[in-house]
Structures are given as structure tokens and as C-alpha cells.
């Protein structure tokens, strides 16, 4: 029993582990501002995909009824629950305008991805012109 207690194991001290954690934390803080545009770009993919889906549904509705609809439910679009409501969606989809020959749909971010107070907005129209109207 004495031999087990007297044998020293090679290991890191608490101080050494804390110093390494502090250094890693500083490196992460230095790299984070450079990664924020990539995070915003990745999240904006959701808006583009959802708006292209709305475009497809609106075109189908137009071919069927000879007009565009201003009601997402009427064209069969289901808005996923927002992130702040326990869901996965970062963008709220809405039809801004719809008429017999044109429509415009908008995806507005519900979260500020880079913390600058500006919320990302994308729009699409009947000609499938997809554009970012407000950059985050």
C-alpha cells in the first residue's frame, strides 16, 4: 500500500491547464470576428432556399389560377417554427405583394447574426430575381 501512495504519476498541474485554456480562449476571441461573415452567409442560405420554394409554389399557383397569391397557406407554404420559439427557422417568410402578373416575397431574419443591430433581408419576384436587400 505504501508503494502505491508514494509513486508519483506524471500529469499536468491545474495552473498549466488553466494557462492553456486562457490561451485558447484568447485565440478564439481573435478569430471570431473573422468568422462572423461566414456564419451570416451560411444562415442566409436558408432564406434563399425558402424563397426559391415560395417562387415554385407561386408559379404553380399562377399556372393553375392565372394569378399570384398573397397568402402563403393558399399556395401550400408552411412556415417552420422560429428559433426563438423553439424551432429551427432563422427567417420569417412573407408575401409582400401579389397581383395578376407579379409577386414579391421577402425573408426577414428574426435574429441578428453578427450583433450589429441590422437584420438580414432577402427578396424574390416573379422573374426569380433573388436579391439581398439588407445585408447583415
C-alpha atoms as a PDB file:
ATOM      1  CA  UNK A   1       0.000   0.000   0.000  1.00  0.00           C
ATOM      2  CA  UNK A   2       2.835   2.389   0.757  1.00  0.00           C
ATOM      3  CA  UNK A   3       4.322   1.870  -2.676  1.00  0.00           C
ATOM      4  CA  UNK A   4       1.120   2.967  -4.460  1.00  0.00           C
ATOM      5  CA  UNK A   5       0.827   6.159  -2.415  1.00  0.00           C
ATOM      6  CA  UNK A   6       4.469   7.090  -2.774  1.00  0.00           C
ATOM      7  CA  UNK A   7       4.557   6.632  -6.560  1.00  0.00           C
ATOM      8  CA  UNK A   8       4.148   9.881  -8.428  1.00  0.00           C
ATOM      9  CA  UNK A   9       2.209   9.950 -11.686  1.00  0.00           C
ATOM     10  CA  UNK A  10       3.167  12.314 -14.468  1.00  0.00           C
ATOM     11  CA  UNK A  11       0.341  14.806 -15.027  1.00  0.00           C
ATOM     12  CA  UNK A  12      -0.399  18.447 -15.704  1.00  0.00           C
ATOM     13  CA  UNK A  13      -0.952  20.810 -12.834  1.00  0.00           C
ATOM     14  CA  UNK A  14      -4.120  22.852 -12.518  1.00  0.00           C
ATOM     15  CA  UNK A  15      -2.150  26.012 -13.290  1.00  0.00           C
ATOM     16  CA  UNK A  16      -0.810  24.572 -16.555  1.00  0.00           C
ATOM     17  CA  UNK A  17      -4.298  23.514 -17.677  1.00  0.00           C
ATOM     18  CA  UNK A  18      -5.739  26.952 -16.853  1.00  0.00           C
ATOM     19  CA  UNK A  19      -2.965  28.738 -18.784  1.00  0.00           C
ATOM     20  CA  UNK A  20      -3.686  26.607 -21.866  1.00  0.00           C
ATOM     21  CA  UNK A  21      -7.434  27.310 -21.579  1.00  0.00           C
ATOM     22  CA  UNK A  22      -6.804  31.057 -21.330  1.00  0.00           C
ATOM     23  CA  UNK A  23      -4.567  30.975 -24.428  1.00  0.00           C
ATOM     24  CA  UNK A  24      -7.165  29.002 -26.411  1.00  0.00           C
ATOM     25  CA  UNK A  25      -9.878  31.443 -25.285  1.00  0.00           C
ATOM     26  CA  UNK A  26      -7.838  34.423 -26.464  1.00  0.00           C
ATOM     27  CA  UNK A  27      -7.234  32.772 -29.845  1.00  0.00           C
ATOM     28  CA  UNK A  28     -10.965  32.097 -30.255  1.00  0.00           C
ATOM     29  CA  UNK A  29     -11.799  35.717 -29.425  1.00  0.00           C
ATOM     30  CA  UNK A  30      -9.287  36.894 -32.020  1.00  0.00           C
ATOM     31  CA  UNK A  31     -10.678  34.583 -34.716  1.00  0.00           C
ATOM     32  CA  UNK A  32     -14.405  35.116 -34.030  1.00  0.00           C
ATOM     33  CA  UNK A  33     -14.812  38.491 -35.810  1.00  0.00           C
ATOM     34  CA  UNK A  34     -13.283  36.957 -38.947  1.00  0.00           C
ATOM     35  CA  UNK A  35     -15.776  34.061 -38.818  1.00  0.00           C
ATOM     36  CA  UNK A  36     -18.942  36.154 -38.403  1.00  0.00           C
ATOM     37  CA  UNK A  37     -19.376  36.877 -42.149  1.00  0.00           C
ATOM     38  CA  UNK A  38     -19.135  33.139 -42.840  1.00  0.00           C
ATOM     39  CA  UNK A  39     -21.802  32.431 -40.229  1.00  0.00           C
ATOM     40  CA  UNK A  40     -24.117  35.062 -41.742  1.00  0.00           C
ATOM     41  CA  UNK A  41     -23.526  33.703 -45.239  1.00  0.00           C
ATOM     42  CA  UNK A  42     -24.299  30.146 -44.134  1.00  0.00           C
ATOM     43  CA  UNK A  43     -27.518  31.199 -42.418  1.00  0.00           C
ATOM     44  CA  UNK A  44     -28.629  33.261 -45.437  1.00  0.00           C
ATOM     45  CA  UNK A  45     -28.707  30.021 -47.427  1.00  0.00           C
ATOM     46  CA  UNK A  46     -31.903  29.205 -45.527  1.00  0.00           C
ATOM     47  CA  UNK A  47     -33.531  32.396 -46.827  1.00  0.00           C
ATOM     48  CA  UNK A  48     -32.524  31.680 -50.418  1.00  0.00           C
ATOM     49  CA  UNK A  49     -33.825  28.116 -50.333  1.00  0.00           C
ATOM     50  CA  UNK A  50     -37.133  29.113 -48.726  1.00  0.00           C
ATOM     51  CA  UNK A  51     -37.689  31.961 -51.203  1.00  0.00           C
ATOM     52  CA  UNK A  52     -36.960  29.685 -54.156  1.00  0.00           C
ATOM     53  CA  UNK A  53     -39.544  27.287 -52.723  1.00  0.00           C
ATOM     54  CA  UNK A  54     -42.082  30.126 -52.469  1.00  0.00           C
ATOM     55  CA  UNK A  55     -41.254  31.053 -56.087  1.00  0.00           C
ATOM     56  CA  UNK A  56     -42.008  27.488 -57.223  1.00  0.00           C
ATOM     57  CA  UNK A  57     -45.276  27.416 -55.282  1.00  0.00           C
ATOM     58  CA  UNK A  58     -46.314  30.830 -56.643  1.00  0.00           C
ATOM     59  CA  UNK A  59     -45.553  29.729 -60.227  1.00  0.00           C
ATOM     60  CA  UNK A  60     -47.640  26.585 -59.748  1.00  0.00           C
ATOM     61  CA  UNK A  61     -50.469  28.694 -58.340  1.00  0.00           C
ATOM     62  CA  UNK A  62     -50.166  31.096 -61.301  1.00  0.00           C
ATOM     63  CA  UNK A  63     -50.388  28.267 -63.851  1.00  0.00           C
ATOM     64  CA  UNK A  64     -53.405  26.847 -62.051  1.00  0.00           C
ATOM     65  CA  UNK A  65     -55.350  30.064 -61.270  1.00  0.00           C
ATOM     66  CA  UNK A  66     -53.794  32.656 -63.638  1.00  0.00           C
ATOM     67  CA  UNK A  67     -52.782  34.911 -60.757  1.00  0.00           C
ATOM     68  CA  UNK A  68     -50.291  35.070 -57.923  1.00  0.00           C
ATOM     69  CA  UNK A  69     -51.452  34.667 -54.338  1.00  0.00           C
ATOM     70  CA  UNK A  70     -50.666  36.847 -51.326  1.00  0.00           C
ATOM     71  CA  UNK A  71     -51.465  34.004 -48.920  1.00  0.00           C
ATOM     72  CA  UNK A  72     -48.709  31.536 -48.042  1.00  0.00           C
ATOM     73  CA  UNK A  73     -51.265  28.972 -46.842  1.00  0.00           C
ATOM     74  CA  UNK A  74     -53.140  29.154 -50.164  1.00  0.00           C
ATOM     75  CA  UNK A  75     -50.029  28.187 -52.129  1.00  0.00           C
ATOM     76  CA  UNK A  76     -49.099  25.453 -49.647  1.00  0.00           C
ATOM     77  CA  UNK A  77     -46.112  27.051 -47.917  1.00  0.00           C
ATOM     78  CA  UNK A  78     -45.646  26.033 -44.297  1.00  0.00           C
ATOM     79  CA  UNK A  79     -43.513  28.360 -42.161  1.00  0.00           C
ATOM     80  CA  UNK A  80     -41.310  26.401 -39.806  1.00  0.00           C
ATOM     81  CA  UNK A  81     -41.200  27.481 -36.161  1.00  0.00           C
ATOM     82  CA  UNK A  82     -38.747  30.289 -35.487  1.00  0.00           C
ATOM     83  CA  UNK A  83     -35.575  29.688 -33.479  1.00  0.00           C
ATOM     84  CA  UNK A  84     -36.757  31.985 -30.676  1.00  0.00           C
ATOM     85  CA  UNK A  85     -39.944  29.863 -30.441  1.00  0.00           C
ATOM     86  CA  UNK A  86     -38.072  26.565 -30.150  1.00  0.00           C
ATOM     87  CA  UNK A  87     -37.894  25.802 -33.876  1.00  0.00           C
ATOM     88  CA  UNK A  88     -35.117  25.832 -36.479  1.00  0.00           C
ATOM     89  CA  UNK A  89     -36.080  28.722 -38.789  1.00  0.00           C
ATOM     90  CA  UNK A  90     -33.996  31.909 -38.720  1.00  0.00           C
ATOM     91  CA  UNK A  91     -36.072  33.752 -41.350  1.00  0.00           C
ATOM     92  CA  UNK A  92     -39.736  34.769 -41.402  1.00  0.00           C
ATOM     93  CA  UNK A  93     -41.182  34.372 -44.905  1.00  0.00           C
ATOM     94  CA  UNK A  94     -43.913  36.707 -46.150  1.00  0.00           C
ATOM     95  CA  UNK A  95     -45.566  37.729 -49.412  1.00  0.00           C
ATOM     96  CA  UNK A  96     -45.087  41.487 -49.749  1.00  0.00           C
ATOM     97  CA  UNK A  97     -47.238  41.978 -52.836  1.00  0.00           C
ATOM     98  CA  UNK A  98     -49.131  39.776 -55.272  1.00  0.00           C
ATOM     99  CA  UNK A  99     -51.272  40.532 -58.289  1.00  0.00           C
ATOM    100  CA  UNK A 100     -52.356  39.088 -61.608  1.00  0.00           C
ATOM    101  CA  UNK A 101     -48.910  39.446 -63.194  1.00  0.00           C
ATOM    102  CA  UNK A 102     -46.380  39.842 -60.384  1.00  0.00           C
ATOM    103  CA  UNK A 103     -45.459  38.991 -56.823  1.00  0.00           C
ATOM    104  CA  UNK A 104     -42.713  39.730 -54.354  1.00  0.00           C
ATOM    105  CA  UNK A 105     -41.807  37.559 -51.365  1.00  0.00           C
ATOM    106  CA  UNK A 106     -39.492  38.521 -48.513  1.00  0.00           C
ATOM    107  CA  UNK A 107     -37.409  36.602 -45.991  1.00  0.00           C
ATOM    108  CA  UNK A 108     -36.574  38.677 -42.926  1.00  0.00           C
ATOM    109  CA  UNK A 109     -34.093  37.420 -40.329  1.00  0.00           C
ATOM    110  CA  UNK A 110     -35.504  37.142 -36.832  1.00  0.00           C
ATOM    111  CA  UNK A 111     -32.017  37.104 -35.295  1.00  0.00           C
ATOM    112  CA  UNK A 112     -29.088  39.468 -35.626  1.00  0.00           C
ATOM    113  CA  UNK A 113     -26.360  37.039 -36.700  1.00  0.00           C
ATOM    114  CA  UNK A 114     -23.367  39.322 -36.206  1.00  0.00           C
ATOM    115  CA  UNK A 115     -24.728  41.510 -33.397  1.00  0.00           C
ATOM    116  CA  UNK A 116     -24.568  44.826 -35.298  1.00  0.00           C
ATOM    117  CA  UNK A 117     -28.285  45.649 -34.951  1.00  0.00           C
ATOM    118  CA  UNK A 118     -29.052  45.030 -38.654  1.00  0.00           C
ATOM    119  CA  UNK A 119     -31.343  42.164 -39.638  1.00  0.00           C
ATOM    120  CA  UNK A 120     -30.748  40.397 -42.956  1.00  0.00           C
ATOM    121  CA  UNK A 121     -33.498  40.642 -45.635  1.00  0.00           C
ATOM    122  CA  UNK A 122     -33.817  38.765 -48.950  1.00  0.00           C
ATOM    123  CA  UNK A 123     -36.472  39.166 -51.657  1.00  0.00           C
ATOM    124  CA  UNK A 124     -37.588  37.253 -54.755  1.00  0.00           C
ATOM    125  CA  UNK A 125     -40.033  38.204 -57.507  1.00  0.00           C
ATOM    126  CA  UNK A 126     -41.996  36.529 -60.309  1.00  0.00           C
ATOM    127  CA  UNK A 127     -38.917  36.534 -62.557  1.00  0.00           C
ATOM    128  CA  UNK A 128     -36.904  34.671 -59.909  1.00  0.00           C
ATOM    129  CA  UNK A 129     -34.752  37.723 -59.191  1.00  0.00           C
ATOM    130  CA  UNK A 130     -33.315  36.807 -55.824  1.00  0.00           C
ATOM    131  CA  UNK A 131     -31.517  39.639 -54.077  1.00  0.00           C
ATOM    132  CA  UNK A 132     -30.279  40.599 -50.655  1.00  0.00           C
ATOM    133  CA  UNK A 133     -31.940  43.929 -49.886  1.00  0.00           C
ATOM    134  CA  UNK A 134     -30.457  44.418 -46.390  1.00  0.00           C
ATOM    135  CA  UNK A 135     -27.054  42.939 -45.615  1.00  0.00           C
ATOM    136  CA  UNK A 136     -26.294  41.709 -42.124  1.00  0.00           C
END
